[in-house]
Amino acid sequence: MSNFTSLIKESWVEVTEHVTWPKFSELQASSILVLVASLIFAILVGLVDLAFKSGLDLFYSSF
């Protein structure tokens, strides 16, 4: 149990004294970047899926 208590105390010191937290504006910019990149990736995957579906529908309708 003392190892667990020591771990918690050391973790708290690490988080409060040694971690550099980003500013709120940096978090907003990063979040917007991730959102835009995710949307672009989702659109590209959707277009590829649509192309494969159309191609396979065309292929199967020829039989």
N, C-alpha and C. Protein backbone atom coordinates (compact mmCIF):
# COMPACT_ATOMS: atom_id res chain seq x y z
N MET A 1 0.82 -1.20 0.00
CA MET A 1 0.00 0.00 0.00
C MET A 1 0.87 1.26 0.00
N SER A 2 2.02 1.17 0.61
CA SER A 2 2.88 2.35 0.64
C SER A 2 3.43 2.66 -0.75
N ASN A 3 3.63 1.64 -1.58
CA ASN A 3 4.07 1.88 -2.96
C ASN A 3 3.01 2.65 -3.74
N PHE A 4 1.76 2.29 -3.52
CA PHE A 4 0.67 2.97 -4.19
C PHE A 4 0.58 4.44 -3.76
N THR A 5 0.69 4.68 -2.48
CA THR A 5 0.66 6.05 -1.96
C THR A 5 1.83 6.86 -2.51
N SER A 6 2.99 6.24 -2.56
CA SER A 6 4.16 6.91 -3.11
C SER A 6 3.96 7.24 -4.59
N LEU A 7 3.37 6.31 -5.32
CA LEU A 7 3.09 6.54 -6.74
C LEU A 7 2.15 7.73 -6.92
N ILE A 8 1.11 7.80 -6.12
CA ILE A 8 0.15 8.90 -6.22
C ILE A 8 0.82 10.23 -5.90
N LYS A 9 1.62 10.27 -4.86
CA LYS A 9 2.30 11.51 -4.47
C LYS A 9 3.28 11.96 -5.55
N GLU A 10 4.07 11.03 -6.09
CA GLU A 10 5.03 11.37 -7.14
C GLU A 10 4.32 11.81 -8.42
N SER A 11 3.22 11.17 -8.72
CA SER A 11 2.45 11.56 -9.91
C SER A 11 1.90 12.98 -9.76
N TRP A 12 1.41 13.29 -8.57
CA TRP A 12 0.87 14.63 -8.33
C TRP A 12 1.96 15.69 -8.47
N VAL A 13 3.14 15.42 -7.93
CA VAL A 13 4.26 16.36 -8.07
C VAL A 13 4.63 16.52 -9.54
N GLU A 14 4.66 15.43 -10.27
CA GLU A 14 5.00 15.48 -11.69
C GLU A 14 4.00 16.34 -12.46
N VAL A 15 2.73 16.14 -12.20
CA VAL A 15 1.68 16.87 -12.94
C VAL A 15 1.67 18.34 -12.55
N THR A 16 1.86 18.65 -11.28
CA THR A 16 1.74 20.04 -10.86
C THR A 16 3.02 20.86 -11.05
N GLU A 17 4.19 20.23 -11.04
CA GLU A 17 5.43 21.00 -11.09
C GLU A 17 6.26 20.82 -12.36
N HIS A 18 6.12 19.69 -13.05
CA HIS A 18 7.02 19.42 -14.17
C HIS A 18 6.35 19.43 -15.54
N VAL A 19 5.05 19.32 -15.58
CA VAL A 19 4.34 19.29 -16.86
C VAL A 19 4.10 20.72 -17.33
N THR A 20 4.36 20.97 -18.62
CA THR A 20 4.05 22.29 -19.18
C THR A 20 2.73 22.18 -19.91
N TRP A 21 1.74 22.89 -19.40
CA TRP A 21 0.41 22.82 -19.99
C TRP A 21 0.29 23.88 -21.08
N PRO A 22 -0.33 23.54 -22.21
CA PRO A 22 -0.48 24.52 -23.29
C PRO A 22 -1.50 25.60 -22.92
N LYS A 23 -1.39 26.73 -23.58
CA LYS A 23 -2.36 27.81 -23.37
C LYS A 23 -3.68 27.44 -24.05
N PHE A 24 -4.75 28.07 -23.59
CA PHE A 24 -6.08 27.75 -24.13
C PHE A 24 -6.15 28.03 -25.63
N SER A 25 -5.51 29.10 -26.08
CA SER A 25 -5.53 29.43 -27.51
C SER A 25 -4.82 28.35 -28.33
N GLU A 26 -3.75 27.79 -27.78
CA GLU A 26 -3.05 26.70 -28.47
C GLU A 26 -3.93 25.46 -28.55
N LEU A 27 -4.67 25.19 -27.49
CA LEU A 27 -5.59 24.05 -27.49
C LEU A 27 -6.69 24.24 -28.53
N GLN A 28 -7.21 25.45 -28.62
CA GLN A 28 -8.26 25.73 -29.61
C GLN A 28 -7.72 25.53 -31.03
N ALA A 29 -6.53 26.04 -31.30
CA ALA A 29 -5.96 25.92 -32.63
C ALA A 29 -5.71 24.45 -32.98
N SER A 30 -5.20 23.70 -32.03
CA SER A 30 -4.95 22.28 -32.27
C SER A 30 -6.25 21.52 -32.48
N SER A 31 -7.26 21.86 -31.71
CA SER A 31 -8.56 21.18 -31.85
C SER A 31 -9.18 21.46 -33.21
N ILE A 32 -9.10 22.69 -33.66
CA ILE A 32 -9.64 23.05 -34.97
C ILE A 32 -8.88 22.32 -36.06
N LEU A 33 -7.57 22.23 -35.94
CA LEU A 33 -6.76 21.52 -36.92
C LEU A 33 -7.15 20.05 -36.98
N VAL A 34 -7.34 19.42 -35.84
CA VAL A 34 -7.73 18.01 -35.81
C VAL A 34 -9.12 17.84 -36.41
N LEU A 35 -10.04 18.74 -36.11
CA LEU A 35 -11.39 18.68 -36.65
C LEU A 35 -11.38 18.78 -38.17
N VAL A 36 -10.66 19.74 -38.70
CA VAL A 36 -10.60 19.94 -40.15
C VAL A 36 -9.93 18.74 -40.82
N ALA A 37 -8.84 18.26 -40.26
CA ALA A 37 -8.15 17.10 -40.84
C ALA A 37 -9.06 15.86 -40.80
N SER A 38 -9.81 15.69 -39.74
CA SER A 38 -10.72 14.55 -39.63
C SER A 38 -11.84 14.64 -40.67
N LEU A 39 -12.37 15.83 -40.87
CA LEU A 39 -13.42 16.01 -41.87
C LEU A 39 -12.90 15.74 -43.28
N ILE A 40 -11.72 16.24 -43.59
CA ILE A 40 -11.12 15.99 -44.90
C ILE A 40 -10.90 14.49 -45.11
N PHE A 41 -10.37 13.82 -44.11
CA PHE A 41 -10.13 12.39 -44.21
C PHE A 41 -11.45 11.63 -44.38
N ALA A 42 -12.48 12.01 -43.65
CA ALA A 42 -13.78 11.35 -43.76
C ALA A 42 -14.38 11.55 -45.15
N ILE A 43 -14.25 12.73 -45.70
CA ILE A 43 -14.75 12.99 -47.05
C ILE A 43 -14.01 12.15 -48.07
N LEU A 44 -12.68 12.07 -47.94
CA LEU A 44 -11.90 11.26 -48.88
C LEU A 44 -12.27 9.78 -48.79
N VAL A 45 -12.42 9.26 -47.59
CA VAL A 45 -12.82 7.86 -47.42
C VAL A 45 -14.21 7.64 -48.00
N GLY A 46 -15.11 8.58 -47.79
CA GLY A 46 -16.46 8.48 -48.36
C GLY A 46 -16.45 8.47 -49.87
N LEU A 47 -15.61 9.31 -50.48
CA LEU A 47 -15.51 9.35 -51.94
C LEU A 47 -14.94 8.04 -52.49
N VAL A 48 -13.92 7.50 -51.84
CA VAL A 48 -13.36 6.22 -52.27
C VAL A 48 -14.40 5.12 -52.13
N ASP A 49 -15.15 5.13 -51.05
CA ASP A 49 -16.22 4.14 -50.84
C ASP A 49 -17.28 4.26 -51.93
N LEU A 50 -17.67 5.48 -52.25
CA LEU A 50 -18.66 5.71 -53.31
C LEU A 50 -18.14 5.22 -54.66
N ALA A 51 -16.87 5.48 -54.94
CA ALA A 51 -16.28 5.03 -56.20
C ALA A 51 -16.28 3.50 -56.28
N PHE A 52 -15.89 2.84 -55.22
CA PHE A 52 -15.89 1.38 -55.22
C PHE A 52 -17.31 0.83 -55.36
N LYS A 53 -18.27 1.45 -54.65
CA LYS A 53 -19.65 0.99 -54.73
C LYS A 53 -20.18 1.15 -56.15
N SER A 54 -19.93 2.29 -56.75
CA SER A 54 -20.40 2.53 -58.12
C SER A 54 -19.73 1.56 -59.09
N GLY A 55 -18.44 1.36 -58.92
CA GLY A 55 -17.72 0.43 -59.79
C GLY A 55 -18.23 -0.99 -59.65
N LEU A 56 -18.46 -1.43 -58.44
CA LEU A 56 -18.96 -2.79 -58.23
C LEU A 56 -20.40 -2.93 -58.71
N ASP A 57 -21.23 -1.90 -58.51
CA ASP A 57 -22.60 -1.95 -59.04
C ASP A 57 -22.59 -2.06 -60.56
N LEU A 58 -21.73 -1.30 -61.20
CA LEU A 58 -21.60 -1.36 -62.66
C LEU A 58 -21.11 -2.74 -63.10
N PHE A 59 -20.15 -3.27 -62.38
CA PHE A 59 -19.59 -4.59 -62.71
C PHE A 59 -20.65 -5.68 -62.57
N TYR A 60 -21.39 -5.66 -61.46
CA TYR A 60 -22.39 -6.70 -61.22
C TYR A 60 -23.62 -6.55 -62.11
N SER A 61 -23.93 -5.34 -62.53
CA SER A 61 -25.08 -5.16 -63.41
C SER A 61 -24.80 -5.62 -64.82
N SER A 62 -23.53 -5.80 -65.18
CA SER A 62 -23.19 -6.27 -66.52
C SER A 62 -23.38 -7.76 -66.67
N PHE A 63 -23.66 -8.48 -65.61
CA PHE A 63 -23.89 -9.94 -65.70
C PHE A 63 -25.34 -10.25 -65.69
